[in-house]
Every structure is written in C-alpha cells, then in structure tokens.
Amino acid sequence: MIRTLLAAIALSLASPCLGQEPTEPGPGTRPVPAELQKAGVQRFLFNGWQGPAIPVWYLRPASAGADAPVLFVMHGVGRDADRYIGEWVDLARQHGIVIIVPEFSRAAFPGAAGYNNGALFDAEGHPKPRAVWSYSALEPIFDAVVAREALKAGGYALYGHSAGAQFVHRHVQTGGGPRLTRAIAANAGSYMFPTEDVAWPFGAGGLPPGAWDASRALAQPLILLLGTADNDPKHRSLPSQPEAQAQGPHRLARGKAFFAFARQQAKAQKIPLGWRCYLAPDVAHDNGRMAPFAIALLLAPNASSPSAECADASDLMPKQR
C-alpha cells in the first residue's frame, strides 16, 4: 500500500525518468587552490573520530567574529569540496558566517552507501557502530573548528545540495546531531521516506536499532529547498534505481512527493511536523544559485515553522532597492 501511495504521489507531480550517478573523480587531497587561499579558505586533515581521516575545508571571513554562526555545507556526488566552498565565499563574507565543508573522498567513503547513505552498514549488510557512520563525523569536526578559531558557537546549521542533500535529510531522520539547529536539503535526487514499510535507504525499513523514531524524525528542523527548474528526467546524475523512479520522474517531483508523504504520515500518526518546504524559482540543479536562498532560509527566524505546502523562497530574500 505504501509503495502504491508513493507512486501515486509521484505521478501526480510530473513524468518518467532516467539517469545514473556519475563516476568522475573527486578532488582527492590536493592543496588549497591559490584563489581559495587568497579568499581565506583553510584546509586540515581531521583524525579526531573513529572513522577515516577527512580533509576539512573551512572559511572564517574577516566579517565573522567569535560569536559567528557556523554552517556545514555538504558537497555533491563529485566529492568536490573545493568547488562547494568556493561558491559560498561571497555569502560567508556578506553575512559573517563560518563555512565548513568536509570532503568525503570516494576512497574512504565509497559510493552512495559510504557517503549519502551514512555508511550505516558494512559490505555484508551488517550494521556498523554509529561512531563510524559518515553522519557521526560532523559533531567532532564542529568541535575541531570551534577550537581552532576560538569560536563561541554552541551549535551549527547544515546545508547539502544534491548528494549532499541526501546526506542531510537521511542524517536528520536517523537522529541528527545534538547541536544541529537547522538543516536544509536542496535538490536531492532520491529520498528516505519516513516509513518502515519501505526499505533503507529509500525508507526507514531495516535500519539499525535506535536509528529510527518517527516522532523524533518528523519533529526535526528540516527544510526542503527545491529548484523549480530542477525538472530534467534525463539529468546525468539523477538516481535511476526503481525505488528512486517510484518517487517521481525528476528531482522537483521527488522532493514534493517526499514532503507530501511526510505531511500525511505526521497527520496519520498525530505527530507534530517540524519540516518545511520552499521553492527556488527558475533554479535548476545548481548549488551556486541555490545558496542565496539557503542563506535566506537560515537567517529567517520563522523559516522552519510547519507549512502545508511548498512556499516561495523568494519571499524571504532581501528586497532590492
């Protein structure tokens, strides 16, 4: 019944899709490019957790004081942390925000299972300790950057685009972090629907003990940000598994189906829904163009309050004089 409902929601929002995740190489562990060094971007190798070493790119602009907000930005399937932080430099300066971009390399976190889906299971399908999930790296990385820069932040926000958005919304639904204040998932290619009737990673079925709690998941401060032009059913990196296609023909349809299903689940189970959905008008699959809308959502005091439908994110953008 759940699968039928998913298909019905998806088909009501658009038409059939194809596509496959690309396999182009990521940035590896190369030095910080000169243009990013000039912008103030730093990079260090983080070893302070139980998982593999992670290169961490971060920027504390001159405009960011000790009490500056801290934002994690999760890269996409290209594992291109350098490009992602480069697209956030101007916004970080303008708003005085510390930006942290962990680089989850393909070697250490192979495939979608190792990155987007949290590395919850080993190659034989056995649950791994939570301490080595890719999601579990964020809290200690936050501590490391706070210590390096003598920051006063007691919490952080989280943003991810594309595969990074898959990381974000699955992380949030499987417990999140204790100091996570707000999360934005932008233009994900597939979703973990909040039901145990669909198997992980497209639902909560089969998760390790303690990873799934519907009341906790649906109450999280999660914001979906969907580009209205991210509607190409043949986009080269659009996930094409049958489970992903059942969610809708393209990213816009899948995001809307995911939010509609979450509203239905929350209503049926009488669970307060902390999620909200926003649309970025005329934006396709483009992290750089989504970023200004994400900043507006992060800074808006009421952006995470529940809403019945996807709202226009333009209404929260600064007005041009």
Protein backbone atom coordinates (compact mmCIF):
# COMPACT_ATOMS: atom_id res chain seq x y z
CA MET A 1 0.00 0.00 0.00
CA ILE A 2 2.83 2.37 0.86
CA ARG A 3 4.56 1.73 -2.48
CA THR A 4 1.29 2.38 -4.31
CA LEU A 5 0.87 5.64 -2.40
CA LEU A 6 4.41 6.72 -3.26
CA ALA A 7 3.84 6.04 -6.92
CA ALA A 8 0.52 7.90 -6.88
CA ILE A 9 2.06 10.96 -5.25
CA ALA A 10 4.99 10.92 -7.66
CA LEU A 11 2.87 10.53 -10.79
CA SER A 12 0.63 13.38 -9.71
CA LEU A 13 3.63 15.72 -9.70
CA ALA A 14 5.36 15.00 -13.09
CA SER A 15 6.51 12.32 -15.72
CA PRO A 16 9.07 9.26 -16.15
CA CYS A 17 12.85 9.48 -15.58
CA LEU A 18 16.19 8.03 -16.47
CA GLY A 19 19.71 8.66 -15.25
CA GLN A 20 22.71 7.37 -13.38
CA GLU A 21 25.09 8.76 -10.78
CA PRO A 22 28.34 9.92 -12.47
CA THR A 23 31.68 8.45 -11.55
CA GLU A 24 34.08 11.29 -12.38
CA PRO A 25 36.97 11.57 -9.91
CA GLY A 26 36.72 13.92 -6.95
CA PRO A 27 39.33 16.38 -5.68
CA GLY A 28 41.34 13.85 -3.65
CA THR A 29 43.66 15.50 -1.17
CA ARG A 30 45.21 18.23 -3.31
CA PRO A 31 46.32 21.53 -1.69
CA VAL A 32 44.03 24.53 -1.36
CA PRO A 33 43.99 26.31 -4.77
CA ALA A 34 45.61 29.74 -4.83
CA GLU A 35 42.33 31.60 -5.43
CA LEU A 36 40.75 29.94 -2.38
CA GLN A 37 43.83 30.64 -0.26
CA LYS A 38 43.53 34.28 -1.26
CA ALA A 39 39.89 34.22 -0.14
CA GLY A 40 40.96 32.91 3.27
CA VAL A 41 39.95 29.26 2.86
CA GLN A 42 41.90 26.82 5.03
CA ARG A 43 42.17 23.07 4.94
CA PHE A 44 43.24 20.48 7.51
CA LEU A 45 43.14 16.71 7.84
CA PHE A 46 40.72 15.67 10.58
CA ASN A 47 41.50 12.49 12.51
CA GLY A 48 39.55 13.14 15.70
CA TRP A 49 36.87 10.50 15.35
CA GLN A 50 36.63 6.72 14.93
CA GLY A 51 36.17 6.80 11.15
CA PRO A 52 38.64 7.51 8.30
CA ALA A 53 40.62 10.76 8.09
CA ILE A 54 38.62 13.57 6.46
CA PRO A 55 40.04 16.66 4.72
CA VAL A 56 38.09 19.65 6.08
CA TRP A 57 37.87 22.88 4.12
CA TYR A 58 36.67 25.91 6.04
CA LEU A 59 36.42 29.67 5.84
CA ARG A 60 36.20 32.17 8.64
CA PRO A 61 35.91 35.52 6.84
CA ALA A 62 37.09 38.73 8.47
CA SER A 63 33.43 39.64 8.99
CA ALA A 64 32.90 36.58 11.26
CA GLY A 65 33.50 37.37 14.91
CA ALA A 66 33.93 34.86 17.72
CA ASP A 67 30.14 34.60 18.02
CA ALA A 68 29.61 33.98 14.28
CA PRO A 69 27.11 31.35 13.10
CA VAL A 70 28.61 28.09 11.84
CA LEU A 71 27.30 26.35 8.73
CA PHE A 72 28.27 22.93 7.37
CA VAL A 73 27.98 22.67 3.57
CA MET A 74 27.81 19.11 2.22
CA HIS A 75 29.17 18.60 -1.29
CA GLY A 76 27.56 16.58 -4.06
CA VAL A 77 28.42 13.31 -5.79
CA GLY A 78 31.58 14.82 -7.32
CA ARG A 79 33.09 15.00 -3.80
CA ASP A 80 34.26 18.48 -4.89
CA ALA A 81 34.54 20.27 -1.55
CA ASP A 82 36.77 22.93 -3.12
CA ARG A 83 34.09 23.97 -5.62
CA TYR A 84 31.38 24.00 -2.99
CA ILE A 85 33.25 26.22 -0.56
CA GLY A 86 34.24 28.50 -3.44
CA GLU A 87 30.56 29.04 -4.25
CA TRP A 88 29.92 30.09 -0.63
CA VAL A 89 32.84 32.54 -0.16
CA ASP A 90 30.95 35.73 -1.04
CA LEU A 91 27.91 34.74 1.03
CA ALA A 92 30.11 33.90 4.02
CA ARG A 93 31.77 37.31 3.83
CA GLN A 94 28.50 39.16 3.36
CA HIS A 95 26.77 37.52 6.33
CA GLY A 96 29.72 36.87 8.65
CA ILE A 97 29.30 33.09 8.66
CA VAL A 98 31.90 30.39 9.24
CA ILE A 99 31.59 27.77 6.48
CA ILE A 100 32.78 24.16 6.96
CA VAL A 101 32.94 21.70 4.04
CA PRO A 102 34.10 18.16 4.95
CA GLU A 103 35.48 16.24 1.96
CA PHE A 104 34.15 12.68 1.95
CA SER A 105 36.51 11.05 -0.55
CA ARG A 106 35.47 8.09 -2.66
CA ALA A 107 38.41 6.09 -1.33
CA ALA A 108 37.39 6.42 2.32
CA PHE A 109 33.60 6.62 1.80
CA PRO A 110 32.88 4.61 -1.37
CA GLY A 111 29.66 5.01 -3.28
CA ALA A 112 26.33 6.37 -2.14
CA ALA A 113 26.34 3.83 0.68
CA GLY A 114 29.52 5.32 2.13
CA TYR A 115 28.56 8.98 1.84
CA ASN A 116 24.94 9.94 1.11
CA ASN A 117 23.54 6.95 2.99
CA GLY A 118 25.74 7.36 6.03
CA ALA A 119 27.91 4.20 5.91
CA LEU A 120 25.45 2.52 8.29
CA PHE A 121 26.18 -0.99 7.02
CA ASP A 122 29.28 -2.97 6.05
CA ALA A 123 29.76 -4.81 2.74
CA GLU A 124 27.88 -7.84 4.10
CA GLY A 125 24.93 -5.71 5.18
CA HIS A 126 25.67 -5.84 8.91
CA PRO A 127 25.07 -2.66 10.94
CA LYS A 128 28.20 -0.68 11.76
CA PRO A 129 28.72 1.20 15.06
CA ARG A 130 27.12 4.64 14.99
CA ALA A 131 30.52 6.16 15.83
CA VAL A 132 31.81 5.33 12.32
CA TRP A 133 28.74 6.42 10.33
CA SER A 134 29.67 9.26 7.99
CA TYR A 135 26.96 11.30 9.73
CA SER A 136 28.84 10.98 13.03
CA ALA A 137 31.83 12.98 11.75
CA LEU A 138 30.01 16.32 11.92
CA GLU A 139 29.89 16.86 15.68
CA PRO A 140 33.65 16.28 16.28
CA ILE A 141 34.55 18.33 13.18
CA PHE A 142 32.47 21.16 14.62
CA ASP A 143 34.42 20.90 17.88
CA ALA A 144 37.72 20.96 15.99
CA VAL A 145 36.90 24.12 14.02
CA VAL A 146 35.48 25.87 17.08
CA ALA A 147 38.71 25.13 18.94
CA ARG A 148 40.97 26.18 16.03
CA GLU A 149 39.20 29.51 15.64
CA ALA A 150 38.25 30.15 19.30
CA LEU A 151 34.57 30.43 18.36
CA LYS A 152 31.71 30.72 20.83
CA ALA A 153 29.11 28.86 18.75
CA GLY A 154 27.10 26.32 20.70
CA GLY A 155 25.50 24.81 17.61
CA TYR A 156 25.56 24.71 13.83
CA ALA A 157 23.33 24.69 10.78
CA LEU A 158 23.60 22.14 7.99
CA TYR A 159 23.09 22.53 4.24
CA GLY A 160 23.55 19.98 1.47
CA HIS A 161 22.97 20.04 -2.28
CA SER A 162 22.22 17.01 -4.49
CA ALA A 163 24.06 14.02 -2.94
CA GLY A 164 24.79 16.36 -0.03
CA ALA A 165 21.04 16.85 0.38
CA GLN A 166 20.63 13.09 0.53
CA PHE A 167 23.25 13.05 3.30
CA VAL A 168 21.43 15.84 5.17
CA HIS A 169 17.87 14.53 5.17
CA ARG A 170 18.89 10.95 5.97
CA HIS A 171 21.18 12.15 8.76
CA VAL A 172 18.37 14.24 10.23
CA GLN A 173 15.89 11.36 10.13
CA THR A 174 18.29 8.87 11.72
CA GLY A 175 18.87 11.07 14.75
CA GLY A 176 20.73 14.16 13.59
CA GLY A 177 23.28 15.80 15.84
CA PRO A 178 22.59 17.13 19.36
CA ARG A 179 23.81 20.60 18.39
CA LEU A 180 22.14 20.80 14.98
CA THR A 181 19.89 23.89 14.89
CA ARG A 182 18.54 23.84 11.34
CA ALA A 183 19.04 21.64 8.27
CA ILE A 184 18.43 22.38 4.59
CA ALA A 185 18.31 19.65 1.95
CA ALA A 186 18.47 21.18 -1.55
CA ASN A 187 17.68 19.29 -4.77
CA ALA A 188 18.16 15.72 -3.55
CA GLY A 189 17.92 13.03 -6.22
CA SER A 190 16.22 10.44 -4.00
CA TYR A 191 14.72 10.37 -0.53
CA MET A 192 14.35 8.29 2.60
CA PHE A 193 10.57 8.33 3.01
CA PRO A 194 9.58 8.40 6.70
CA THR A 195 8.09 4.90 6.91
CA GLU A 196 9.36 1.46 7.87
CA ASP A 197 7.25 -0.03 5.07
CA VAL A 198 9.96 0.95 2.55
CA ALA A 199 13.49 -0.44 2.90
CA TRP A 200 16.54 1.72 3.59
CA PRO A 201 17.86 3.91 2.00
CA PHE A 202 14.53 4.82 0.36
CA GLY A 203 12.65 4.38 3.63
CA ALA A 204 13.29 3.54 7.28
CA GLY A 205 12.81 -0.23 6.92
CA GLY A 206 15.70 -2.33 8.19
CA LEU A 207 17.59 0.45 9.95
CA PRO A 208 19.86 -0.50 12.89
CA PRO A 209 18.19 -0.50 16.32
CA GLY A 210 17.71 3.01 17.67
CA ALA A 211 18.21 4.75 14.31
CA TRP A 212 14.52 5.29 13.57
CA ASP A 213 11.91 7.04 15.65
CA ALA A 214 9.05 8.60 13.70
CA SER A 215 8.21 11.25 16.32
CA ARG A 216 11.84 12.36 16.52
CA ALA A 217 12.37 12.32 12.74
CA LEU A 218 9.26 14.28 11.82
CA ALA A 219 9.87 16.88 14.53
CA GLN A 220 13.38 17.75 13.28
CA PRO A 221 14.08 21.28 11.95
CA LEU A 222 14.37 20.12 8.33
CA ILE A 223 13.80 22.42 5.37
CA LEU A 224 13.45 21.14 1.81
CA LEU A 225 14.66 23.58 -0.83
CA LEU A 226 13.65 22.65 -4.38
CA GLY A 227 14.65 24.39 -7.59
CA THR A 228 11.58 24.73 -9.79
CA ALA A 229 13.72 24.17 -12.91
CA ASP A 230 15.36 21.02 -11.49
CA ASN A 231 12.91 19.01 -13.52
CA ASP A 232 15.03 17.18 -16.08
CA PRO A 233 14.05 13.46 -16.14
CA LYS A 234 17.27 12.68 -18.04
CA HIS A 235 19.75 14.62 -15.89
CA ARG A 236 23.07 12.78 -15.92
CA SER A 237 23.29 12.40 -12.13
CA LEU A 238 19.62 11.67 -11.40
CA PRO A 239 19.39 8.36 -9.46
CA SER A 240 17.69 5.77 -11.64
CA GLN A 241 17.07 2.83 -9.29
CA PRO A 242 13.47 1.55 -9.47
CA GLU A 243 12.90 2.79 -5.90
CA ALA A 244 14.09 6.26 -6.86
CA GLN A 245 11.97 6.33 -10.01
CA ALA A 246 8.93 5.37 -7.93
CA GLN A 247 9.38 8.66 -6.06
CA GLY A 248 8.92 10.73 -9.22
CA PRO A 249 10.33 11.49 -12.68
CA HIS A 250 12.80 14.19 -11.59
CA ARG A 251 14.17 15.97 -8.52
CA LEU A 252 11.43 18.57 -8.21
CA ALA A 253 8.68 15.94 -8.31
CA ARG A 254 10.53 13.66 -5.89
CA GLY A 255 11.01 16.46 -3.36
CA LYS A 256 7.35 17.41 -3.50
CA ALA A 257 6.29 13.77 -3.15
CA PHE A 258 8.59 13.35 -0.16
CA PHE A 259 7.15 16.40 1.61
CA ALA A 260 3.54 15.40 0.81
CA PHE A 261 4.16 11.93 2.20
CA ALA A 262 5.73 13.33 5.38
CA ARG A 263 2.66 15.53 5.93
CA GLN A 264 0.40 12.50 5.52
CA GLN A 265 2.46 10.42 7.93
CA ALA A 266 2.55 13.17 10.55
CA LYS A 267 -1.21 13.66 10.30
CA ALA A 268 -1.97 9.93 10.40
CA GLN A 269 0.26 9.38 13.43
CA LYS A 270 -0.72 12.66 15.12
CA ILE A 271 2.93 13.75 15.19
CA PRO A 272 3.83 17.46 15.08
CA LEU A 273 5.70 18.11 11.81
CA GLY A 274 8.77 20.34 12.10
CA TRP A 275 9.60 20.19 8.39
CA ARG A 276 9.02 22.89 5.81
CA CYS A 277 9.35 23.09 2.03
CA TYR A 278 10.46 26.03 -0.12
CA LEU A 279 10.80 26.55 -3.86
CA ALA A 280 13.66 28.43 -5.53
CA PRO A 281 12.05 29.89 -8.68
CA ASP A 282 13.73 29.15 -12.02
CA VAL A 283 16.74 27.41 -10.43
CA ALA A 284 17.89 24.10 -11.90
CA HIS A 285 20.46 21.66 -10.44
CA ASP A 286 22.88 24.39 -9.36
CA ASN A 287 24.40 24.70 -5.87
CA GLY A 288 25.69 28.21 -6.52
CA ARG A 289 22.24 29.52 -7.40
CA MET A 290 20.57 27.66 -4.53
CA ALA A 291 22.99 29.04 -1.93
CA PRO A 292 21.50 32.57 -1.64
CA PHE A 293 18.06 31.06 -0.99
CA ALA A 294 19.58 28.75 1.61
CA ILE A 295 21.19 31.72 3.42
CA ALA A 296 17.83 33.50 3.47
CA LEU A 297 16.20 30.40 4.98
CA LEU A 298 18.93 30.02 7.57
CA LEU A 299 18.62 33.64 8.67
CA ALA A 300 14.81 33.84 8.62
CA PRO A 301 13.53 33.37 12.20
CA ASN A 302 10.34 31.52 11.21
CA ALA A 303 11.57 29.57 8.19
CA SER A 304 11.43 26.24 9.97
CA SER A 305 7.85 26.54 11.23
CA PRO A 306 5.46 23.93 9.76
CA SER A 307 3.73 24.68 6.48
CA ALA A 308 1.14 22.74 4.50
CA GLU A 309 2.64 23.43 1.06
CA CYS A 310 5.94 24.38 -0.54
CA ALA A 311 6.31 28.17 -0.25
CA ASP A 312 8.17 30.60 -2.50
CA ALA A 313 11.66 31.17 -1.06
CA SER A 314 11.84 34.48 -2.94
CA ASP A 315 9.57 35.98 -0.28
CA LEU A 316 12.42 35.63 2.24
CA MET A 317 15.11 37.15 0.03
CA PRO A 318 16.36 40.68 0.76
CA LYS A 319 14.41 43.23 -1.27
CA GLN A 320 16.36 45.08 -3.96
CA ARG A 321 16.42 48.84 -3.55
